Amino acid sequence: MVRKLAAGNWKMNGTRAALEELQALAQAHSDPAVDILICPPATLLMSAAELVSGHPLDIGAQDCHTAPSGAHTGDISAPMIADCGATAVIVGHSERREDHNESNDLIRAKAESAHAAGLTAIICIGETLAQRDAGQTLDVIADQLQGSTPDGATGVNTVIAYEPVWAIGTGKVPSLEQIGEVHDFIREKLTARFGADNVRTIRLLYGGSVKPANAAEIFAVPNVDGALVGGASLTEADFSPIIKSLEATV
C-alpha cells in the first residue's frame, strides 16, 4: 500500500528560529503512519536536514534549476539540494508559474533534473478562478499535467499536487465534488499515459487553504493521497492536526 504524504511548503517564510517548530514536529511524530515532508526556504535546507536526521521526517526544497551546475547566479541545482540532505523538490508551483512566467516545458525540465539527482519532484498543477469560471478546469489540468510531467515519472520519483490557484492562501476551498472530479481526472490521465500498475503508486496531493478544520473531509475524497500545505505547515500546532487527520485515513 502506498504511504500517504503530508507535505508542508514554508514558501518565503522562516529564519533559523523557525527550526524550533521543525524540531517540535519531529518530536510529535516519532512513528508516523504517513510520510511527512517539510520544504523550508533554501537558507534552512541543510540545517533542517541535519536537525531531522534520524527522525522519520523528510526535507525538500521549493524549486531547482534545470542544469546540474553552471553560470546561473542566484539559482540552486538539484544536486546541490540533494547534497544538503533533502529528498524532494517542489516544481511548477503556481506562484512560480505566475511570478516567474514558468512554462510547462521548463517545469518538466526541472522535474527531469530532480529525477537525475535522485530527488522526488512534486509537480504542481492548477487552474485560476477565471479558468474555472469559464469551464476550462479540466483542459488546463490536462495541458499542465501532460506538459510538466516527464516520461520517466514513477511513484518513486514523482508526486502530483493539484492546487487550484484561486484557493491558495485565500481561505476559499473547492467543494469536495470539485476536488474529487479533478483528482479522478488526473488519475485517469496518468493511467492512460503510464499504465495502471505504475500510476497506482503516484501520489496525488491536494493543496489550497488546507487547515485542521477541513483536512479530514478533504482526505476522505477518493484519489486524495495527502496534501501540500502552505501557511498551516509553519507551526507544529497547526500542522500536526492535519497530519493526524491524514493518519486517520490509513
C-alpha atoms as a PDB file:
ATOM      1  CA  MET A   1       0.000   0.000   0.000  1.00  0.00           C
ATOM      2  CA  VAL A   2       1.326   3.439  -0.943  1.00  0.00           C
ATOM      3  CA  ARG A   3       2.008   5.631   2.079  1.00  0.00           C
ATOM      4  CA  LYS A   4       0.147   8.893   2.130  1.00  0.00           C
ATOM      5  CA  LEU A   5       2.037  12.180   2.283  1.00  0.00           C
ATOM      6  CA  ALA A   6       1.650  15.344   4.336  1.00  0.00           C
ATOM      7  CA  ALA A   7       3.908  17.970   2.766  1.00  0.00           C
ATOM      8  CA  GLY A   8       4.467  21.488   4.053  1.00  0.00           C
ATOM      9  CA  ASN A   9       5.623  24.389   1.888  1.00  0.00           C
ATOM     10  CA  TRP A  10       7.007  27.202   4.042  1.00  0.00           C
ATOM     11  CA  LYS A  11       7.450  29.445   0.970  1.00  0.00           C
ATOM     12  CA  MET A  12       9.474  32.626   1.761  1.00  0.00           C
ATOM     13  CA  ASN A  13       8.990  32.274   5.481  1.00  0.00           C
ATOM     14  CA  GLY A  14      11.312  31.225   8.254  1.00  0.00           C
ATOM     15  CA  THR A  15      14.665  32.107   9.748  1.00  0.00           C
ATOM     16  CA  ARG A  16      16.773  29.866  11.972  1.00  0.00           C
ATOM     17  CA  ALA A  17      14.343  30.467  14.824  1.00  0.00           C
ATOM     18  CA  ALA A  18      11.703  28.566  12.833  1.00  0.00           C
ATOM     19  CA  LEU A  19      13.727  25.378  13.232  1.00  0.00           C
ATOM     20  CA  GLU A  20      12.210  25.117  16.701  1.00  0.00           C
ATOM     21  CA  GLU A  21       8.872  24.370  15.013  1.00  0.00           C
ATOM     22  CA  LEU A  22      10.531  21.699  12.892  1.00  0.00           C
ATOM     23  CA  GLN A  23      12.080  20.127  15.964  1.00  0.00           C
ATOM     24  CA  ALA A  24       8.702  20.144  17.704  1.00  0.00           C
ATOM     25  CA  LEU A  25       7.131  18.478  14.671  1.00  0.00           C
ATOM     26  CA  ALA A  26       9.779  15.767  14.605  1.00  0.00           C
ATOM     27  CA  GLN A  27       9.276  15.085  18.309  1.00  0.00           C
ATOM     28  CA  ALA A  28       5.495  14.999  17.966  1.00  0.00           C
ATOM     29  CA  HIS A  29       5.616  12.399  15.182  1.00  0.00           C
ATOM     30  CA  SER A  30       8.265   9.860  16.117  1.00  0.00           C
ATOM     31  CA  ASP A  31       6.432   6.983  14.393  1.00  0.00           C
ATOM     32  CA  PRO A  32       4.026   8.475  11.850  1.00  0.00           C
ATOM     33  CA  ALA A  33       1.643   6.349   9.808  1.00  0.00           C
ATOM     34  CA  VAL A  34       2.168   8.672   6.823  1.00  0.00           C
ATOM     35  CA  ASP A  35       5.169  10.330   5.198  1.00  0.00           C
ATOM     36  CA  ILE A  36       5.915  13.871   6.393  1.00  0.00           C
ATOM     37  CA  LEU A  37       7.861  16.371   4.293  1.00  0.00           C
ATOM     38  CA  ILE A  38       8.756  19.978   5.075  1.00  0.00           C
ATOM     39  CA  CYS A  39      10.022  22.330   2.352  1.00  0.00           C
ATOM     40  CA  PRO A  40      11.687  25.301   4.081  1.00  0.00           C
ATOM     41  CA  PRO A  41      13.423  28.206   2.323  1.00  0.00           C
ATOM     42  CA  ALA A  42      16.798  27.381   0.776  1.00  0.00           C
ATOM     43  CA  THR A  43      18.676  29.126   3.605  1.00  0.00           C
ATOM     44  CA  LEU A  44      17.430  26.464   6.022  1.00  0.00           C
ATOM     45  CA  LEU A  45      17.771  23.333   3.880  1.00  0.00           C
ATOM     46  CA  MET A  46      20.978  21.941   5.336  1.00  0.00           C
ATOM     47  CA  SER A  47      20.187  22.911   8.917  1.00  0.00           C
ATOM     48  CA  ALA A  48      16.718  21.399   8.614  1.00  0.00           C
ATOM     49  CA  ALA A  49      18.034  18.153   7.134  1.00  0.00           C
ATOM     50  CA  GLU A  50      20.615  17.828   9.894  1.00  0.00           C
ATOM     51  CA  LEU A  51      18.024  18.574  12.571  1.00  0.00           C
ATOM     52  CA  VAL A  52      15.638  15.801  11.468  1.00  0.00           C
ATOM     53  CA  SER A  53      18.366  13.253  10.783  1.00  0.00           C
ATOM     54  CA  GLY A  54      17.303  10.057  12.495  1.00  0.00           C
ATOM     55  CA  HIS A  55      13.656  11.122  12.566  1.00  0.00           C
ATOM     56  CA  PRO A  56      11.000   9.822  10.125  1.00  0.00           C
ATOM     57  CA  LEU A  57      10.599  13.267   8.611  1.00  0.00           C
ATOM     58  CA  ASP A  58      11.979  14.420   5.267  1.00  0.00           C
ATOM     59  CA  ILE A  59      13.144  17.787   3.958  1.00  0.00           C
ATOM     60  CA  GLY A  60      12.515  19.177   0.480  1.00  0.00           C
ATOM     61  CA  ALA A  61      13.301  22.335  -1.479  1.00  0.00           C
ATOM     62  CA  GLN A  62      10.870  24.745  -3.128  1.00  0.00           C
ATOM     63  CA  ASP A  63      12.462  24.979  -6.584  1.00  0.00           C
ATOM     64  CA  CYS A  64      15.511  23.952  -8.579  1.00  0.00           C
ATOM     65  CA  HIS A  65      17.308  24.913 -11.785  1.00  0.00           C
ATOM     66  CA  THR A  66      17.208  22.691 -14.846  1.00  0.00           C
ATOM     67  CA  ALA A  67      21.001  22.414 -15.038  1.00  0.00           C
ATOM     68  CA  PRO A  68      23.136  20.472 -12.526  1.00  0.00           C
ATOM     69  CA  SER A  69      25.665  23.333 -12.369  1.00  0.00           C
ATOM     70  CA  GLY A  70      26.815  26.386 -14.311  1.00  0.00           C
ATOM     71  CA  ALA A  71      26.720  30.152 -14.604  1.00  0.00           C
ATOM     72  CA  HIS A  72      23.266  30.728 -13.115  1.00  0.00           C
ATOM     73  CA  THR A  73      23.668  33.338 -10.416  1.00  0.00           C
ATOM     74  CA  GLY A  74      21.225  33.011  -7.555  1.00  0.00           C
ATOM     75  CA  ASP A  75      19.881  29.610  -8.639  1.00  0.00           C
ATOM     76  CA  ILE A  76      20.165  26.260  -6.880  1.00  0.00           C
ATOM     77  CA  SER A  77      20.611  22.974  -8.694  1.00  0.00           C
ATOM     78  CA  ALA A  78      19.012  19.643  -7.860  1.00  0.00           C
ATOM     79  CA  PRO A  79      22.394  18.049  -6.991  1.00  0.00           C
ATOM     80  CA  MET A  80      23.024  20.912  -4.549  1.00  0.00           C
ATOM     81  CA  ILE A  81      19.648  20.265  -2.942  1.00  0.00           C
ATOM     82  CA  ALA A  82      20.433  16.562  -2.608  1.00  0.00           C
ATOM     83  CA  ASP A  83      23.839  17.436  -1.171  1.00  0.00           C
ATOM     84  CA  CYS A  84      22.060  19.388   1.594  1.00  0.00           C
ATOM     85  CA  GLY A  85      20.336  16.186   2.642  1.00  0.00           C
ATOM     86  CA  ALA A  86      16.949  16.937   1.085  1.00  0.00           C
ATOM     87  CA  THR A  87      14.966  14.231  -0.682  1.00  0.00           C
ATOM     88  CA  ALA A  88      12.419  16.192  -2.732  1.00  0.00           C
ATOM     89  CA  VAL A  89      11.769  19.453  -4.532  1.00  0.00           C
ATOM     90  CA  ILE A  90       8.599  21.319  -5.494  1.00  0.00           C
ATOM     91  CA  VAL A  91       8.442  22.353  -9.156  1.00  0.00           C
ATOM     92  CA  GLY A  92       5.774  24.280 -11.034  1.00  0.00           C
ATOM     93  CA  HIS A  93       4.063  25.896  -8.071  1.00  0.00           C
ATOM     94  CA  SER A  94       1.519  28.427  -9.314  1.00  0.00           C
ATOM     95  CA  GLU A  95       3.499  31.224  -7.688  1.00  0.00           C
ATOM     96  CA  ARG A  96       6.499  30.237  -9.816  1.00  0.00           C
ATOM     97  CA  ARG A  97       4.344  29.832 -12.920  1.00  0.00           C
ATOM     98  CA  GLU A  98       2.838  33.297 -12.412  1.00  0.00           C
ATOM     99  CA  ASP A  99       5.615  35.354 -10.811  1.00  0.00           C
ATOM    100  CA  HIS A 100       8.421  33.908 -12.934  1.00  0.00           C
ATOM    101  CA  ASN A 101       6.497  33.012 -16.094  1.00  0.00           C
ATOM    102  CA  GLU A 102       7.466  29.363 -15.844  1.00  0.00           C
ATOM    103  CA  SER A 103       6.190  27.226 -18.713  1.00  0.00           C
ATOM    104  CA  ASN A 104       5.239  23.563 -18.747  1.00  0.00           C
ATOM    105  CA  ASP A 105       8.408  22.795 -20.695  1.00  0.00           C
ATOM    106  CA  LEU A 106      10.592  24.495 -18.099  1.00  0.00           C
ATOM    107  CA  ILE A 107       8.844  22.713 -15.239  1.00  0.00           C
ATOM    108  CA  ARG A 108       9.242  19.389 -17.000  1.00  0.00           C
ATOM    109  CA  ALA A 109      12.973  20.062 -17.394  1.00  0.00           C
ATOM    110  CA  LYS A 110      13.232  20.913 -13.696  1.00  0.00           C
ATOM    111  CA  ALA A 111      11.461  17.674 -12.790  1.00  0.00           C
ATOM    112  CA  GLU A 112      13.855  15.732 -15.018  1.00  0.00           C
ATOM    113  CA  SER A 113      16.799  17.411 -13.288  1.00  0.00           C
ATOM    114  CA  ALA A 114      15.327  16.470  -9.923  1.00  0.00           C
ATOM    115  CA  HIS A 115      14.955  12.854 -11.033  1.00  0.00           C
ATOM    116  CA  ALA A 116      18.554  12.759 -12.259  1.00  0.00           C
ATOM    117  CA  ALA A 117      19.715  13.934  -8.827  1.00  0.00           C
ATOM    118  CA  GLY A 118      17.703  11.246  -7.046  1.00  0.00           C
ATOM    119  CA  LEU A 119      15.051  13.655  -5.770  1.00  0.00           C
ATOM    120  CA  THR A 120      11.292  13.276  -5.795  1.00  0.00           C
ATOM    121  CA  ALA A 121       9.688  16.005  -7.916  1.00  0.00           C
ATOM    122  CA  ILE A 122       6.419  17.381  -6.540  1.00  0.00           C
ATOM    123  CA  ILE A 123       4.819  18.756  -9.698  1.00  0.00           C
ATOM    124  CA  CYS A 124       2.130  21.372  -9.067  1.00  0.00           C
ATOM    125  CA  ILE A 125      -0.794  21.997 -11.384  1.00  0.00           C
ATOM    126  CA  GLY A 126      -3.971  24.043 -11.046  1.00  0.00           C
ATOM    127  CA  GLU A 127      -6.400  26.447 -12.662  1.00  0.00           C
ATOM    128  CA  THR A 128      -7.127  30.108 -11.998  1.00  0.00           C
ATOM    129  CA  LEU A 129     -10.566  31.326 -10.940  1.00  0.00           C
ATOM    130  CA  ALA A 130     -11.153  32.800 -14.423  1.00  0.00           C
ATOM    131  CA  GLN A 131     -10.355  29.432 -15.995  1.00  0.00           C
ATOM    132  CA  ARG A 132     -12.695  27.593 -13.635  1.00  0.00           C
ATOM    133  CA  ASP A 133     -15.494  30.098 -14.223  1.00  0.00           C
ATOM    134  CA  ALA A 134     -15.010  29.627 -17.964  1.00  0.00           C
ATOM    135  CA  GLY A 135     -15.386  25.851 -17.621  1.00  0.00           C
ATOM    136  CA  GLN A 136     -11.748  25.250 -18.605  1.00  0.00           C
ATOM    137  CA  THR A 137     -10.530  23.495 -15.468  1.00  0.00           C
ATOM    138  CA  LEU A 138     -10.039  20.007 -16.900  1.00  0.00           C
ATOM    139  CA  ASP A 139      -8.491  21.347 -20.103  1.00  0.00           C
ATOM    140  CA  VAL A 140      -5.968  23.360 -18.076  1.00  0.00           C
ATOM    141  CA  ILE A 141      -5.198  20.388 -15.839  1.00  0.00           C
ATOM    142  CA  ALA A 142      -4.716  18.094 -18.816  1.00  0.00           C
ATOM    143  CA  ASP A 143      -2.359  20.554 -20.508  1.00  0.00           C
ATOM    144  CA  GLN A 144      -0.256  21.187 -17.395  1.00  0.00           C
ATOM    145  CA  LEU A 145      -0.144  17.508 -16.446  1.00  0.00           C
ATOM    146  CA  GLN A 146       0.947  16.385 -19.904  1.00  0.00           C
ATOM    147  CA  GLY A 147       3.422  19.207 -20.427  1.00  0.00           C
ATOM    148  CA  SER A 148       5.005  19.269 -16.965  1.00  0.00           C
ATOM    149  CA  THR A 149       5.353  15.548 -16.226  1.00  0.00           C
ATOM    150  CA  PRO A 150       8.453  13.740 -17.573  1.00  0.00           C
ATOM    151  CA  ASP A 151       8.134  10.453 -19.431  1.00  0.00           C
ATOM    152  CA  GLY A 152      10.155   8.767 -16.690  1.00  0.00           C
ATOM    153  CA  ALA A 153       7.704   9.613 -13.909  1.00  0.00           C
ATOM    154  CA  THR A 154       7.101   6.854 -11.347  1.00  0.00           C
ATOM    155  CA  GLY A 155       5.659   6.610  -7.881  1.00  0.00           C
ATOM    156  CA  VAL A 156       9.189   6.758  -6.508  1.00  0.00           C
ATOM    157  CA  ASN A 157      10.324   9.959  -8.202  1.00  0.00           C
ATOM    158  CA  THR A 158       7.096  11.903  -8.775  1.00  0.00           C
ATOM    159  CA  VAL A 159       4.184  13.337  -6.801  1.00  0.00           C
ATOM    160  CA  ILE A 160       1.415  15.396  -8.419  1.00  0.00           C
ATOM    161  CA  ALA A 161      -0.104  18.233  -6.392  1.00  0.00           C
ATOM    162  CA  TYR A 162      -3.389  19.763  -7.511  1.00  0.00           C
ATOM    163  CA  GLU A 163      -3.579  23.318  -6.226  1.00  0.00           C
ATOM    164  CA  PRO A 164      -6.370  25.485  -7.639  1.00  0.00           C
ATOM    165  CA  VAL A 165      -4.734  28.907  -7.845  1.00  0.00           C
ATOM    166  CA  TRP A 166      -7.820  30.661  -6.541  1.00  0.00           C
ATOM    167  CA  ALA A 167      -7.752  28.609  -3.323  1.00  0.00           C
ATOM    168  CA  ILE A 168      -4.114  29.184  -2.356  1.00  0.00           C
ATOM    169  CA  GLY A 169      -3.893  31.394   0.706  1.00  0.00           C
ATOM    170  CA  THR A 170      -7.400  32.772   0.169  1.00  0.00           C
ATOM    171  CA  GLY A 171      -9.373  30.622   2.563  1.00  0.00           C
ATOM    172  CA  LYS A 172     -11.554  29.519  -0.359  1.00  0.00           C
ATOM    173  CA  VAL A 173     -11.738  25.785  -0.874  1.00  0.00           C
ATOM    174  CA  PRO A 174     -13.306  23.883  -3.789  1.00  0.00           C
ATOM    175  CA  SER A 175     -16.223  21.656  -2.953  1.00  0.00           C
ATOM    176  CA  LEU A 176     -15.408  18.031  -2.218  1.00  0.00           C
ATOM    177  CA  GLU A 177     -17.074  17.160  -5.525  1.00  0.00           C
ATOM    178  CA  GLN A 178     -14.782  19.568  -7.391  1.00  0.00           C
ATOM    179  CA  ILE A 179     -11.686  18.168  -5.704  1.00  0.00           C
ATOM    180  CA  GLY A 180     -12.806  14.628  -6.462  1.00  0.00           C
ATOM    181  CA  GLU A 181     -13.531  15.425 -10.098  1.00  0.00           C
ATOM    182  CA  VAL A 182     -10.045  16.808 -10.684  1.00  0.00           C
ATOM    183  CA  HIS A 183      -8.207  14.075  -8.772  1.00  0.00           C
ATOM    184  CA  ASP A 184     -10.143  11.348 -10.604  1.00  0.00           C
ATOM    185  CA  PHE A 185      -9.341  13.078 -13.892  1.00  0.00           C
ATOM    186  CA  ILE A 186      -5.630  13.269 -13.060  1.00  0.00           C
ATOM    187  CA  ARG A 187      -5.564   9.571 -12.184  1.00  0.00           C
ATOM    188  CA  GLU A 188      -7.289   8.704 -15.444  1.00  0.00           C
ATOM    189  CA  LYS A 189      -4.852  10.778 -17.487  1.00  0.00           C
ATOM    190  CA  LEU A 190      -1.834   9.281 -15.747  1.00  0.00           C
ATOM    191  CA  THR A 191      -3.219   5.777 -16.197  1.00  0.00           C
ATOM    192  CA  ALA A 192      -3.680   6.325 -19.926  1.00  0.00           C
ATOM    193  CA  ARG A 193      -0.112   7.576 -20.250  1.00  0.00           C
ATOM    194  CA  PHE A 194       1.864   5.390 -17.847  1.00  0.00           C
ATOM    195  CA  GLY A 195      -0.280   2.315 -17.236  1.00  0.00           C
ATOM    196  CA  ALA A 196      -2.342   1.278 -14.237  1.00  0.00           C
ATOM    197  CA  ASP A 197       0.401  -0.553 -12.342  1.00  0.00           C
ATOM    198  CA  ASN A 198       2.738   2.455 -12.290  1.00  0.00           C
ATOM    199  CA  VAL A 199       0.051   5.063 -11.707  1.00  0.00           C
ATOM    200  CA  ARG A 200      -1.287   3.402  -8.571  1.00  0.00           C
ATOM    201  CA  THR A 201       1.959   4.371  -6.843  1.00  0.00           C
ATOM    202  CA  ILE A 202       1.994   8.036  -7.944  1.00  0.00           C
ATOM    203  CA  ARG A 203       0.571  10.045  -5.071  1.00  0.00           C
ATOM    204  CA  LEU A 204      -1.909  12.838  -5.758  1.00  0.00           C
ATOM    205  CA  LEU A 205      -1.946  15.667  -3.228  1.00  0.00           C
ATOM    206  CA  TYR A 206      -4.488  18.418  -2.784  1.00  0.00           C
ATOM    207  CA  GLY A 207      -3.302  21.915  -1.857  1.00  0.00           C
ATOM    208  CA  GLY A 208      -5.078  25.208  -1.304  1.00  0.00           C
ATOM    209  CA  SER A 209      -6.211  26.534   2.086  1.00  0.00           C
ATOM    210  CA  VAL A 210      -5.926  23.144   3.796  1.00  0.00           C
ATOM    211  CA  LYS A 211      -6.453  23.660   7.530  1.00  0.00           C
ATOM    212  CA  PRO A 212      -7.105  21.484  10.594  1.00  0.00           C
ATOM    213  CA  ALA A 213     -10.809  22.317  10.293  1.00  0.00           C
ATOM    214  CA  ASN A 214     -11.250  20.966   6.753  1.00  0.00           C
ATOM    215  CA  ALA A 215      -8.454  18.388   6.414  1.00  0.00           C
ATOM    216  CA  ALA A 216     -10.447  15.311   7.421  1.00  0.00           C
ATOM    217  CA  GLU A 217     -13.201  15.822   4.856  1.00  0.00           C
ATOM    218  CA  ILE A 218     -10.687  16.553   2.092  1.00  0.00           C
ATOM    219  CA  PHE A 219      -8.686  13.421   2.894  1.00  0.00           C
ATOM    220  CA  ALA A 220     -11.862  11.348   2.675  1.00  0.00           C
ATOM    221  CA  VAL A 221     -12.165  12.165  -1.043  1.00  0.00           C
ATOM    222  CA  PRO A 222     -11.078   9.225  -3.255  1.00  0.00           C
ATOM    223  CA  ASN A 223      -7.719   9.660  -5.014  1.00  0.00           C
ATOM    224  CA  VAL A 224      -6.538  12.249  -2.490  1.00  0.00           C
ATOM    225  CA  ASP A 225      -3.325  10.763  -1.127  1.00  0.00           C
ATOM    226  CA  GLY A 226      -2.357  13.675   1.095  1.00  0.00           C
ATOM    227  CA  ALA A 227      -1.844  17.406   0.993  1.00  0.00           C
ATOM    228  CA  LEU A 228       0.607  20.130   0.087  1.00  0.00           C
ATOM    229  CA  VAL A 229       0.036  22.667   2.851  1.00  0.00           C
ATOM    230  CA  GLY A 230       1.187  26.285   2.919  1.00  0.00           C
ATOM    231  CA  GLY A 231       0.571  28.573   5.885  1.00  0.00           C
ATOM    232  CA  ALA A 232      -0.785  25.854   8.161  1.00  0.00           C
ATOM    233  CA  SER A 233       2.542  23.996   7.943  1.00  0.00           C
ATOM    234  CA  LEU A 234       4.540  26.811   9.543  1.00  0.00           C
ATOM    235  CA  THR A 235       3.824  25.705  13.094  1.00  0.00           C
ATOM    236  CA  GLU A 236       3.649  22.307  14.733  1.00  0.00           C
ATOM    237  CA  ALA A 237       0.379  23.290  16.404  1.00  0.00           C
ATOM    238  CA  ASP A 238      -1.339  23.840  13.047  1.00  0.00           C
ATOM    239  CA  PHE A 239       0.318  21.099  11.004  1.00  0.00           C
ATOM    240  CA  SER A 240       0.059  18.225  13.482  1.00  0.00           C
ATOM    241  CA  PRO A 241      -3.782  18.082  13.391  1.00  0.00           C
ATOM    242  CA  ILE A 242      -3.610  17.897   9.583  1.00  0.00           C
ATOM    243  CA  ILE A 243      -1.117  15.044   9.794  1.00  0.00           C
ATOM    244  CA  LYS A 244      -3.314  13.238  12.315  1.00  0.00           C
ATOM    245  CA  SER A 245      -6.349  13.669  10.032  1.00  0.00           C
ATOM    246  CA  LEU A 246      -4.391  12.023   7.226  1.00  0.00           C
ATOM    247  CA  GLU A 247      -3.228   9.209   9.517  1.00  0.00           C
ATOM    248  CA  ALA A 248      -6.853   8.533  10.396  1.00  0.00           C
ATOM    249  CA  THR A 249      -7.486   7.504   6.773  1.00  0.00           C
ATOM    250  CA  VAL A 250      -4.774   4.848   6.785  1.00  0.00           C
END
